[in-house]
């Protein structure tokens, strides 16, 4: 019932829904619960980053293990500073020219996950804008976005910092005005581009199929 207002639900709520769905599948005797994968695009792709983090897995998912995750054009503006990865595997698909969800912060987080022992494969689709899988001709529209930011937070201190500006906030304080200042500096209105080609769609489908065959 949110219509186009995605921000009406928090990331924690979305994650709770995902874990609830996975839990239901694992309890279904007709389904092999050890061979499940989650798939998300854009904001849903960004949620895959949280699913790969042990902190979120323990605190939201009760330690539930999920075999694989696929992140298509994910947004990565907010993540754990020193992530401890889960046992799952992830395929991260990024658009080279995506100016809605910039690939830079996602690449950085993937590197940190891999450095900590995580299984993450990153594929950059050449020349691709956001939502290239739709295959419609690339078109632009004015939109407010915060996804050019890169905020990391420490799970021990609960302190967060935006890499570009250096602005800080305390994740442990509910009504901390520093959070408002931090996000306001991240927000900007710009022309974002969506759409792609049949070739880009085909490359993506082949990568997803290959990943699922390998990991499941």
Protein backbone atom coordinates (compact mmCIF):
# COMPACT_ATOMS: atom_id res chain seq x y z
CA UNK A 1 0.00 0.00 0.00
CA UNK A 2 2.97 2.34 -0.24
CA UNK A 3 2.48 3.22 -3.89
CA UNK A 4 5.67 4.87 -5.10
CA UNK A 5 6.87 5.89 -1.62
CA UNK A 6 9.53 3.28 -0.90
CA UNK A 7 10.78 5.22 2.12
CA UNK A 8 7.54 4.40 3.96
CA UNK A 9 9.21 1.22 5.23
CA UNK A 10 12.66 0.99 6.79
CA UNK A 11 15.46 -1.34 5.72
CA UNK A 12 14.98 -3.32 8.93
CA UNK A 13 11.33 -3.91 8.03
CA UNK A 14 12.24 -5.04 4.53
CA UNK A 15 14.88 -7.39 5.96
CA UNK A 16 12.39 -8.81 8.45
CA UNK A 17 10.04 -9.58 5.54
CA UNK A 18 12.82 -11.30 3.60
CA UNK A 19 13.86 -13.45 6.54
CA UNK A 20 10.20 -14.32 7.21
CA UNK A 21 9.79 -15.45 3.60
CA UNK A 22 12.98 -17.51 3.71
CA UNK A 23 11.93 -19.06 7.04
CA UNK A 24 8.62 -20.07 5.49
CA UNK A 25 10.39 -21.67 2.53
CA UNK A 26 12.80 -23.54 4.79
CA UNK A 27 9.83 -24.99 6.67
CA UNK A 28 8.21 -26.25 3.46
CA UNK A 29 9.02 -29.97 3.03
CA UNK A 30 8.73 -29.65 -0.76
CA UNK A 31 11.59 -27.15 -0.91
CA UNK A 32 15.30 -27.69 -0.28
CA UNK A 33 15.94 -24.98 2.31
CA UNK A 34 19.71 -25.35 1.89
CA UNK A 35 19.47 -24.19 -1.75
CA UNK A 36 17.70 -20.83 -1.56
CA UNK A 37 18.73 -17.55 -3.18
CA UNK A 38 17.44 -14.02 -2.74
CA UNK A 39 17.29 -11.54 -5.62
CA UNK A 40 16.83 -7.78 -5.45
CA UNK A 41 17.01 -4.82 -7.83
CA UNK A 42 17.91 -1.22 -6.91
CA UNK A 43 16.78 -0.76 -3.28
CA UNK A 44 16.10 -4.49 -3.17
CA UNK A 45 19.62 -5.01 -4.47
CA UNK A 46 20.98 -2.91 -1.64
CA UNK A 47 19.21 -5.17 0.85
CA UNK A 48 21.40 -8.02 -0.40
CA UNK A 49 24.37 -6.16 1.16
CA UNK A 50 22.70 -6.40 4.56
CA UNK A 51 21.86 -10.07 4.01
CA UNK A 52 25.58 -10.71 3.45
CA UNK A 53 26.47 -9.09 6.80
CA UNK A 54 26.74 -11.28 9.89
CA UNK A 55 25.55 -8.41 12.13
CA UNK A 56 22.22 -8.10 10.34
CA UNK A 57 21.98 -11.86 10.00
CA UNK A 58 22.26 -12.35 13.76
CA UNK A 59 20.21 -9.34 14.87
CA UNK A 60 17.40 -9.51 12.32
CA UNK A 61 17.58 -13.02 10.86
CA UNK A 62 18.34 -14.97 14.06
CA UNK A 63 21.42 -16.48 12.43
CA UNK A 64 19.50 -17.94 9.48
CA UNK A 65 21.80 -19.06 6.68
CA UNK A 66 20.91 -18.29 3.06
CA UNK A 67 22.88 -19.92 0.27
CA UNK A 68 23.09 -17.11 -2.30
CA UNK A 69 22.19 -13.49 -3.03
CA UNK A 70 21.91 -11.56 -6.30
CA UNK A 71 22.11 -7.76 -6.25
CA UNK A 72 21.07 -6.02 -9.48
CA UNK A 73 21.96 -2.31 -9.70
CA UNK A 74 22.06 -2.09 -5.89
CA UNK A 75 22.20 1.02 -3.76
CA UNK A 76 24.99 0.98 -1.20
CA UNK A 77 24.90 4.30 0.69
CA UNK A 78 24.86 2.75 4.17
CA UNK A 79 26.82 -0.29 5.33
CA UNK A 80 28.92 -1.84 8.05
CA UNK A 81 32.41 -0.36 8.37
CA UNK A 82 34.25 -3.63 9.01
CA UNK A 83 31.79 -6.27 7.81
CA UNK A 84 31.92 -9.87 8.90
CA UNK A 85 30.36 -11.77 5.98
CA UNK A 86 27.88 -14.61 6.25
CA UNK A 87 28.53 -18.01 4.70
CA UNK A 88 26.42 -17.08 1.67
CA UNK A 89 27.63 -16.14 -1.82
CA UNK A 90 26.72 -12.99 -3.71
CA UNK A 91 26.66 -11.88 -7.33
CA UNK A 92 26.75 -8.08 -7.59
CA UNK A 93 25.68 -6.70 -10.99
CA UNK A 94 26.54 -3.03 -11.52
CA UNK A 95 25.79 -0.65 -14.37
CA UNK A 96 28.93 1.09 -15.59
CA UNK A 97 27.02 4.34 -16.22
CA UNK A 98 24.46 4.03 -13.41
CA UNK A 99 24.12 7.54 -11.97
CA UNK A 100 21.13 6.71 -9.75
CA UNK A 101 22.88 4.02 -7.69
CA UNK A 102 26.55 4.80 -8.23
CA UNK A 103 28.67 1.64 -8.52
CA UNK A 104 31.62 3.05 -6.54
CA UNK A 105 30.27 2.53 -2.99
CA UNK A 106 29.07 -0.97 -3.91
CA UNK A 107 32.48 -1.92 -5.32
CA UNK A 108 34.10 -0.67 -2.12
CA UNK A 109 31.76 -2.68 0.09
CA UNK A 110 32.32 -5.78 -2.03
CA UNK A 111 36.09 -5.38 -1.56
CA UNK A 112 35.63 -5.13 2.20
CA UNK A 113 33.46 -8.25 2.26
CA UNK A 114 36.01 -10.19 0.19
CA UNK A 115 38.88 -8.96 2.37
CA UNK A 116 37.00 -10.36 5.37
CA UNK A 117 36.62 -13.75 3.67
CA UNK A 118 33.28 -13.27 1.93
CA UNK A 119 32.31 -14.88 -1.37
CA UNK A 120 31.36 -11.97 -3.62
CA UNK A 121 31.57 -11.75 -7.40
CA UNK A 122 31.23 -8.32 -9.02
CA UNK A 123 30.20 -7.90 -12.65
CA UNK A 124 30.08 -4.45 -14.26
CA UNK A 125 27.79 -4.28 -17.30
CA UNK A 126 29.52 -2.06 -19.85
CA UNK A 127 27.67 1.08 -20.85
CA UNK A 128 24.67 0.22 -18.67
CA UNK A 129 22.48 2.83 -16.97
CA UNK A 130 20.16 2.07 -14.05
CA UNK A 131 17.45 -0.55 -14.70
CA UNK A 132 19.18 -1.73 -17.86
CA UNK A 133 17.35 -5.05 -17.54
CA UNK A 134 14.09 -3.37 -18.61
CA UNK A 135 15.53 -3.03 -22.13
CA UNK A 136 13.57 0.16 -22.82
CA UNK A 137 15.53 2.98 -24.53
CA UNK A 138 17.61 5.01 -22.09
CA UNK A 139 15.70 8.02 -20.81
CA UNK A 140 16.27 10.58 -18.09
CA UNK A 141 14.08 11.97 -15.36
CA UNK A 142 14.57 14.39 -12.49
CA UNK A 143 14.76 12.60 -9.15
CA UNK A 144 15.92 13.20 -5.60
CA UNK A 145 18.58 10.67 -4.63
CA UNK A 146 20.88 10.02 -1.67
CA UNK A 147 22.68 7.11 -3.22
CA UNK A 148 25.85 9.01 -4.15
CA UNK A 149 26.82 8.87 -0.46
CA UNK A 150 28.83 6.23 1.36
CA UNK A 151 28.03 6.01 5.05
CA UNK A 152 29.69 3.30 7.12
CA UNK A 153 28.99 2.49 10.75
CA UNK A 154 30.91 0.61 13.43
CA UNK A 155 28.93 -2.22 15.05
CA UNK A 156 30.86 -1.85 18.31
CA UNK A 157 30.68 1.93 18.83
CA UNK A 158 27.48 2.46 16.76
CA UNK A 159 29.15 5.54 15.25
CA UNK A 160 28.66 6.34 11.57
CA UNK A 161 30.57 8.54 9.14
CA UNK A 162 30.03 9.68 5.57
CA UNK A 163 33.20 9.08 3.56
CA UNK A 164 32.87 12.07 1.22
CA UNK A 165 32.06 14.81 3.74
CA UNK A 166 33.39 13.31 6.97
CA UNK A 167 30.05 14.06 8.69
CA UNK A 168 29.36 11.84 11.70
CA UNK A 169 26.35 10.56 13.61
CA UNK A 170 25.60 8.14 16.44
CA UNK A 171 23.54 5.16 15.31
CA UNK A 172 22.72 4.40 18.95
CA UNK A 173 20.78 7.65 19.51
CA UNK A 174 17.27 7.72 18.10
CA UNK A 175 16.67 11.49 17.76
CA UNK A 176 20.18 12.62 16.98
CA UNK A 177 20.00 15.75 14.77
CA UNK A 178 23.39 14.79 13.35
CA UNK A 179 21.58 12.10 11.34
CA UNK A 180 19.39 14.70 9.70
CA UNK A 181 22.41 16.82 8.79
CA UNK A 182 24.27 13.78 7.48
CA UNK A 183 21.43 12.66 5.19
CA UNK A 184 20.61 16.22 4.08
CA UNK A 185 24.17 16.61 2.80
CA UNK A 186 23.75 13.35 0.92
CA UNK A 187 20.49 14.31 -0.77
CA UNK A 188 20.54 15.92 -4.19
CA UNK A 189 18.18 16.37 -7.11
CA UNK A 190 19.57 15.32 -10.44
CA UNK A 191 18.67 13.77 -13.78
CA UNK A 192 18.94 10.01 -13.50
CA UNK A 193 18.94 7.67 -16.48
CA UNK A 194 17.25 4.29 -16.81
CA UNK A 195 17.00 1.72 -19.57
CA UNK A 196 19.25 -0.60 -21.51
CA UNK A 197 19.75 -2.90 -24.46
CA UNK A 198 18.88 -6.47 -25.34
CA UNK A 199 22.60 -7.31 -25.20
CA UNK A 200 22.93 -5.94 -21.67
CA UNK A 201 19.86 -7.89 -20.58
CA UNK A 202 21.23 -11.08 -22.15
CA UNK A 203 24.62 -10.64 -20.45
CA UNK A 204 22.86 -10.22 -17.13
CA UNK A 205 20.62 -13.27 -17.56
CA UNK A 206 23.62 -15.43 -18.50
CA UNK A 207 25.57 -14.23 -15.45
CA UNK A 208 22.65 -14.94 -13.11
CA UNK A 209 22.03 -18.39 -14.56
CA UNK A 210 25.70 -19.30 -14.32
CA UNK A 211 25.90 -18.04 -10.73
CA UNK A 212 22.85 -20.04 -9.62
CA UNK A 213 24.12 -23.21 -11.28
CA UNK A 214 27.47 -22.83 -9.56
CA UNK A 215 26.24 -21.90 -6.09
CA UNK A 216 23.03 -23.89 -5.75
